[in-house]
C-alpha atoms as a PDB file:
ATOM      1  CA  UNK A   1      48.220 -41.865 -10.723  1.00  0.00           C
ATOM      2  CA  UNK A   2      45.045 -43.370  -9.460  1.00  0.00           C
ATOM      3  CA  UNK A   3      42.045 -41.261 -10.362  1.00  0.00           C
ATOM      4  CA  UNK A   4      40.974 -37.897 -11.664  1.00  0.00           C
ATOM      5  CA  UNK A   5      39.180 -35.549  -9.316  1.00  0.00           C
ATOM      6  CA  UNK A   6      37.418 -32.247  -9.843  1.00  0.00           C
ATOM      7  CA  UNK A   7      37.917 -29.167  -7.694  1.00  0.00           C
ATOM      8  CA  UNK A   8      35.755 -26.062  -8.016  1.00  0.00           C
ATOM      9  CA  UNK A   9      37.506 -22.697  -7.843  1.00  0.00           C
ATOM     10  CA  UNK A  10      35.011 -20.068  -6.715  1.00  0.00           C
ATOM     11  CA  UNK A  11      35.066 -16.448  -5.610  1.00  0.00           C
ATOM     12  CA  UNK A  12      33.883 -12.992  -6.578  1.00  0.00           C
ATOM     13  CA  UNK A  13      35.023 -11.276  -9.749  1.00  0.00           C
ATOM     14  CA  UNK A  14      38.568  -9.943  -9.526  1.00  0.00           C
ATOM     15  CA  UNK A  15      39.821 -12.008  -6.570  1.00  0.00           C
ATOM     16  CA  UNK A  16      42.615 -13.651  -8.601  1.00  0.00           C
ATOM     17  CA  UNK A  17      41.252 -17.093  -9.516  1.00  0.00           C
ATOM     18  CA  UNK A  18      42.639 -17.161 -13.066  1.00  0.00           C
ATOM     19  CA  UNK A  19      46.046 -15.888 -11.953  1.00  0.00           C
ATOM     20  CA  UNK A  20      46.145 -18.554  -9.222  1.00  0.00           C
ATOM     21  CA  UNK A  21      45.597 -21.315 -11.781  1.00  0.00           C
ATOM     22  CA  UNK A  22      48.232 -19.946 -14.150  1.00  0.00           C
ATOM     23  CA  UNK A  23      50.742 -19.710 -11.304  1.00  0.00           C
ATOM     24  CA  UNK A  24      49.991 -23.253 -10.077  1.00  0.00           C
ATOM     25  CA  UNK A  25      50.471 -24.579 -13.613  1.00  0.00           C
ATOM     26  CA  UNK A  26      53.796 -22.752 -13.821  1.00  0.00           C
ATOM     27  CA  UNK A  27      55.022 -24.244 -10.527  1.00  0.00           C
ATOM     28  CA  UNK A  28      54.023 -27.755 -11.609  1.00  0.00           C
ATOM     29  CA  UNK A  29      55.695 -27.310 -14.995  1.00  0.00           C
ATOM     30  CA  UNK A  30      58.929 -26.231 -13.326  1.00  0.00           C
ATOM     31  CA  UNK A  31      58.757 -29.245 -10.986  1.00  0.00           C
ATOM     32  CA  UNK A  32      57.969 -31.695 -13.784  1.00  0.00           C
ATOM     33  CA  UNK A  33      60.982 -30.498 -15.724  1.00  0.00           C
ATOM     34  CA  UNK A  34      63.247 -30.973 -12.698  1.00  0.00           C
ATOM     35  CA  UNK A  35      64.063 -27.293 -12.496  1.00  0.00           C
ATOM     36  CA  UNK A  36      64.737 -25.517  -9.245  1.00  0.00           C
ATOM     37  CA  UNK A  37      62.122 -23.137  -7.900  1.00  0.00           C
ATOM     38  CA  UNK A  38      63.714 -21.242  -5.038  1.00  0.00           C
ATOM     39  CA  UNK A  39      61.516 -18.464  -3.770  1.00  0.00           C
ATOM     40  CA  UNK A  40      58.669 -16.832  -5.611  1.00  0.00           C
ATOM     41  CA  UNK A  41      60.971 -14.662  -7.722  1.00  0.00           C
ATOM     42  CA  UNK A  42      61.634 -17.476 -10.176  1.00  0.00           C
ATOM     43  CA  UNK A  43      57.981 -17.586 -11.138  1.00  0.00           C
ATOM     44  CA  UNK A  44      58.673 -14.528 -13.243  1.00  0.00           C
ATOM     45  CA  UNK A  45      56.310 -11.704 -13.946  1.00  0.00           C
ATOM     46  CA  UNK A  46      52.645 -12.491 -13.413  1.00  0.00           C
ATOM     47  CA  UNK A  47      50.912 -13.447 -16.668  1.00  0.00           C
ATOM     48  CA  UNK A  48      48.133 -11.208 -17.902  1.00  0.00           C
ATOM     49  CA  UNK A  49      44.613 -12.386 -17.248  1.00  0.00           C
ATOM     50  CA  UNK A  50      41.092 -11.419 -18.195  1.00  0.00           C
ATOM     51  CA  UNK A  51      37.994 -11.851 -16.042  1.00  0.00           C
ATOM     52  CA  UNK A  52      36.517 -15.293 -16.582  1.00  0.00           C
ATOM     53  CA  UNK A  53      33.128 -15.203 -18.223  1.00  0.00           C
ATOM     54  CA  UNK A  54      31.803 -18.732 -17.986  1.00  0.00           C
ATOM     55  CA  UNK A  55      34.106 -21.497 -16.905  1.00  0.00           C
ATOM     56  CA  UNK A  56      37.741 -22.525 -17.367  1.00  0.00           C
ATOM     57  CA  UNK A  57      38.929 -26.110 -17.004  1.00  0.00           C
ATOM     58  CA  UNK A  58      42.547 -26.624 -15.987  1.00  0.00           C
ATOM     59  CA  UNK A  59      44.198 -30.013 -15.528  1.00  0.00           C
ATOM     60  CA  UNK A  60      46.870 -30.215 -12.848  1.00  0.00           C
ATOM     61  CA  UNK A  61      49.133 -33.257 -12.620  1.00  0.00           C
ATOM     62  CA  UNK A  62      50.152 -33.679  -9.004  1.00  0.00           C
ATOM     63  CA  UNK A  63      52.459 -36.342  -7.539  1.00  0.00           C
ATOM     64  CA  UNK A  64      49.771 -38.939  -6.880  1.00  0.00           C
ATOM     65  CA  UNK A  65      46.799 -37.851  -8.964  1.00  0.00           C
ATOM     66  CA  UNK A  66      45.415 -35.758 -11.738  1.00  0.00           C
ATOM     67  CA  UNK A  67      43.048 -33.013 -10.785  1.00  0.00           C
ATOM     68  CA  UNK A  68      40.756 -30.920 -12.932  1.00  0.00           C
ATOM     69  CA  UNK A  69      40.114 -27.471 -11.539  1.00  0.00           C
ATOM     70  CA  UNK A  70      36.898 -25.880 -12.792  1.00  0.00           C
ATOM     71  CA  UNK A  71      37.116 -22.133 -12.356  1.00  0.00           C
ATOM     72  CA  UNK A  72      33.728 -20.449 -12.391  1.00  0.00           C
ATOM     73  CA  UNK A  73      33.587 -16.747 -13.095  1.00  0.00           C
ATOM     74  CA  UNK A  74      32.435 -14.565 -10.224  1.00  0.00           C
ATOM     75  CA  UNK A  75      29.589 -13.246 -12.357  1.00  0.00           C
ATOM     76  CA  UNK A  76      28.254 -16.821 -12.544  1.00  0.00           C
ATOM     77  CA  UNK A  77      27.511 -16.929  -8.800  1.00  0.00           C
ATOM     78  CA  UNK A  78      23.778 -17.533  -9.287  1.00  0.00           C
ATOM     79  CA  UNK A  79      24.433 -20.735 -11.250  1.00  0.00           C
ATOM     80  CA  UNK A  80      27.380 -22.108  -9.241  1.00  0.00           C
ATOM     81  CA  UNK A  81      25.092 -24.736  -7.645  1.00  0.00           C
ATOM     82  CA  UNK A  82      24.615 -26.453 -11.000  1.00  0.00           C
ATOM     83  CA  UNK A  83      28.313 -27.461 -10.810  1.00  0.00           C
ATOM     84  CA  UNK A  84      28.312 -28.727  -7.211  1.00  0.00           C
ATOM     85  CA  UNK A  85      27.425 -32.368  -7.944  1.00  0.00           C
ATOM     86  CA  UNK A  86      30.554 -33.030  -9.960  1.00  0.00           C
ATOM     87  CA  UNK A  87      33.230 -31.959  -7.508  1.00  0.00           C
ATOM     88  CA  UNK A  88      35.150 -33.445  -4.599  1.00  0.00           C
ATOM     89  CA  UNK A  89      36.712 -30.235  -3.284  1.00  0.00           C
ATOM     90  CA  UNK A  90      36.292 -26.465  -3.341  1.00  0.00           C
ATOM     91  CA  UNK A  91      38.770 -23.618  -3.285  1.00  0.00           C
ATOM     92  CA  UNK A  92      37.043 -20.376  -2.340  1.00  0.00           C
ATOM     93  CA  UNK A  93      39.077 -17.205  -2.940  1.00  0.00           C
ATOM     94  CA  UNK A  94      38.619 -13.932  -1.128  1.00  0.00           C
ATOM     95  CA  UNK A  95      40.259 -10.609  -1.990  1.00  0.00           C
ATOM     96  CA  UNK A  96      41.656  -9.583   1.388  1.00  0.00           C
ATOM     97  CA  UNK A  97      42.549  -6.146   0.011  1.00  0.00           C
ATOM     98  CA  UNK A  98      38.912  -5.348  -0.829  1.00  0.00           C
ATOM     99  CA  UNK A  99      37.233  -4.657   2.505  1.00  0.00           C
ATOM    100  CA  UNK A 100      33.913  -3.823   0.862  1.00  0.00           C
ATOM    101  CA  UNK A 101      33.810  -7.253  -0.794  1.00  0.00           C
ATOM    102  CA  UNK A 102      34.610  -9.304   2.336  1.00  0.00           C
ATOM    103  CA  UNK A 103      31.036  -9.429   3.665  1.00  0.00           C
ATOM    104  CA  UNK A 104      29.520 -10.413   0.315  1.00  0.00           C
ATOM    105  CA  UNK A 105      32.220 -13.082  -0.070  1.00  0.00           C
ATOM    106  CA  UNK A 106      31.309 -14.428   3.364  1.00  0.00           C
ATOM    107  CA  UNK A 107      27.654 -14.698   2.335  1.00  0.00           C
ATOM    108  CA  UNK A 108      28.667 -16.478  -0.893  1.00  0.00           C
ATOM    109  CA  UNK A 109      30.824 -18.915   1.068  1.00  0.00           C
ATOM    110  CA  UNK A 110      28.018 -19.691   3.525  1.00  0.00           C
ATOM    111  CA  UNK A 111      25.741 -20.448   0.572  1.00  0.00           C
ATOM    112  CA  UNK A 112      28.362 -22.790  -0.905  1.00  0.00           C
ATOM    113  CA  UNK A 113      28.940 -24.568   2.421  1.00  0.00           C
ATOM    114  CA  UNK A 114      25.215 -25.105   2.990  1.00  0.00           C
ATOM    115  CA  UNK A 115      24.693 -26.796  -0.394  1.00  0.00           C
ATOM    116  CA  UNK A 116      23.809 -30.472   0.120  1.00  0.00           C
ATOM    117  CA  UNK A 117      26.086 -31.849  -2.658  1.00  0.00           C
ATOM    118  CA  UNK A 118      29.113 -30.202  -1.006  1.00  0.00           C
ATOM    119  CA  UNK A 119      28.577 -31.473   2.548  1.00  0.00           C
ATOM    120  CA  UNK A 120      31.456 -33.949   2.158  1.00  0.00           C
ATOM    121  CA  UNK A 121      33.743 -31.803   0.019  1.00  0.00           C
ATOM    122  CA  UNK A 122      37.079 -30.565   1.350  1.00  0.00           C
ATOM    123  CA  UNK A 123      37.223 -26.759   1.372  1.00  0.00           C
ATOM    124  CA  UNK A 124      40.186 -24.419   1.144  1.00  0.00           C
ATOM    125  CA  UNK A 125      39.601 -20.713   1.740  1.00  0.00           C
ATOM    126  CA  UNK A 126      42.296 -18.542   0.198  1.00  0.00           C
ATOM    127  CA  UNK A 127      42.714 -14.980   1.422  1.00  0.00           C
ATOM    128  CA  UNK A 128      44.480 -13.581  -1.633  1.00  0.00           C
ATOM    129  CA  UNK A 129      46.451 -10.404  -2.331  1.00  0.00           C
ATOM    130  CA  UNK A 130      48.502 -10.450   0.848  1.00  0.00           C
ATOM    131  CA  UNK A 131      51.213  -8.569  -1.046  1.00  0.00           C
ATOM    132  CA  UNK A 132      49.020  -5.480  -1.418  1.00  0.00           C
ATOM    133  CA  UNK A 133      49.837  -2.567   0.915  1.00  0.00           C
ATOM    134  CA  UNK A 134      46.186  -2.030   1.860  1.00  0.00           C
ATOM    135  CA  UNK A 135      45.509  -5.646   2.832  1.00  0.00           C
ATOM    136  CA  UNK A 136      44.148  -6.347   6.289  1.00  0.00           C
ATOM    137  CA  UNK A 137      46.124  -8.754   8.456  1.00  0.00           C
ATOM    138  CA  UNK A 138      45.084 -12.408   8.369  1.00  0.00           C
ATOM    139  CA  UNK A 139      43.747 -12.056  11.912  1.00  0.00           C
ATOM    140  CA  UNK A 140      41.619  -9.033  10.937  1.00  0.00           C
ATOM    141  CA  UNK A 141      40.169 -10.623   7.816  1.00  0.00           C
ATOM    142  CA  UNK A 142      39.431 -13.907   9.639  1.00  0.00           C
ATOM    143  CA  UNK A 143      37.687 -11.961  12.383  1.00  0.00           C
ATOM    144  CA  UNK A 144      35.624  -9.920   9.925  1.00  0.00           C
ATOM    145  CA  UNK A 145      34.849 -13.098   8.003  1.00  0.00           C
ATOM    146  CA  UNK A 146      33.926 -14.864  11.284  1.00  0.00           C
ATOM    147  CA  UNK A 147      36.010 -17.784  10.120  1.00  0.00           C
ATOM    148  CA  UNK A 148      36.036 -19.538  13.508  1.00  0.00           C
ATOM    149  CA  UNK A 149      32.219 -19.614  13.532  1.00  0.00           C
ATOM    150  CA  UNK A 150      32.095 -20.837   9.931  1.00  0.00           C
ATOM    151  CA  UNK A 151      34.546 -23.673  10.612  1.00  0.00           C
ATOM    152  CA  UNK A 152      32.736 -24.653  13.816  1.00  0.00           C
ATOM    153  CA  UNK A 153      29.340 -24.928  12.117  1.00  0.00           C
ATOM    154  CA  UNK A 154      30.373 -26.412   8.761  1.00  0.00           C
ATOM    155  CA  UNK A 155      30.038 -30.099   7.909  1.00  0.00           C
ATOM    156  CA  UNK A 156      33.111 -29.928   5.672  1.00  0.00           C
ATOM    157  CA  UNK A 157      36.780 -30.010   6.600  1.00  0.00           C
ATOM    158  CA  UNK A 158      37.935 -26.415   6.065  1.00  0.00           C
ATOM    159  CA  UNK A 159      41.418 -24.984   5.871  1.00  0.00           C
ATOM    160  CA  UNK A 160      42.383 -21.358   5.288  1.00  0.00           C
ATOM    161  CA  UNK A 161      45.562 -19.913   3.826  1.00  0.00           C
ATOM    162  CA  UNK A 162      46.865 -16.447   3.141  1.00  0.00           C
ATOM    163  CA  UNK A 163      48.382 -16.227  -0.360  1.00  0.00           C
ATOM    164  CA  UNK A 164      49.468 -13.912  -3.122  1.00  0.00           C
ATOM    165  CA  UNK A 165      48.739 -15.289  -6.567  1.00  0.00           C
ATOM    166  CA  UNK A 166      50.621 -12.253  -7.903  1.00  0.00           C
ATOM    167  CA  UNK A 167      53.922 -12.896  -6.127  1.00  0.00           C
ATOM    168  CA  UNK A 168      53.528 -16.651  -5.646  1.00  0.00           C
ATOM    169  CA  UNK A 169      53.579 -16.544  -1.830  1.00  0.00           C
ATOM    170  CA  UNK A 170      51.702 -19.465  -0.304  1.00  0.00           C
ATOM    171  CA  UNK A 171      51.133 -21.337  -3.554  1.00  0.00           C
ATOM    172  CA  UNK A 172      53.277 -24.337  -2.548  1.00  0.00           C
ATOM    173  CA  UNK A 173      50.886 -24.755   0.401  1.00  0.00           C
ATOM    174  CA  UNK A 174      47.928 -24.716  -2.007  1.00  0.00           C
ATOM    175  CA  UNK A 175      49.546 -27.521  -4.021  1.00  0.00           C
ATOM    176  CA  UNK A 176      50.215 -29.464  -0.812  1.00  0.00           C
ATOM    177  CA  UNK A 177      46.557 -29.129   0.148  1.00  0.00           C
ATOM    178  CA  UNK A 178      45.424 -30.300  -3.293  1.00  0.00           C
ATOM    179  CA  UNK A 179      47.725 -33.302  -2.999  1.00  0.00           C
ATOM    180  CA  UNK A 180      46.510 -34.171   0.507  1.00  0.00           C
ATOM    181  CA  UNK A 181      42.751 -34.121  -0.050  1.00  0.00           C
ATOM    182  CA  UNK A 182      40.948 -37.294  -0.937  1.00  0.00           C
ATOM    183  CA  UNK A 183      37.578 -38.036  -2.471  1.00  0.00           C
ATOM    184  CA  UNK A 184      34.957 -38.753   0.170  1.00  0.00           C
END
């Protein structure tokens, strides 16, 4: 393992940031112990979580590097910029089942993307809760979010994934993204 990087995990309150981190840790633990993880069912029941007030630091040991993920509580939005200097990547989570929150999440994301310290950071947008019956389709949420316009005007490399931190769907792709990004 070469170096340790820091990734910020941002998003509104209740989008599933803490559950995502717990699930990613579980997947990595299973892999590190040479156990088989076939399908999301072997992740087991989702662990209980509480809304993050403040910040949580989680170390993830990937194949080629160690990564510290700093989760910032949604209620800390006004002070997120004070953490921007110390990170190489950003995961921004959106609750795709909460239509009322989509527009405010878009505004938050635009603020994050326009911050000078993050102009070179790799960005992953996660549309979470795809397992919920009331979730909009990925196409609908990307359209409402104006994702094409955001990607076209951003200085950062941006990828977007549809996931369910609850069921585990899409989390292998999140780990692949974390493994593939490099410090700029």
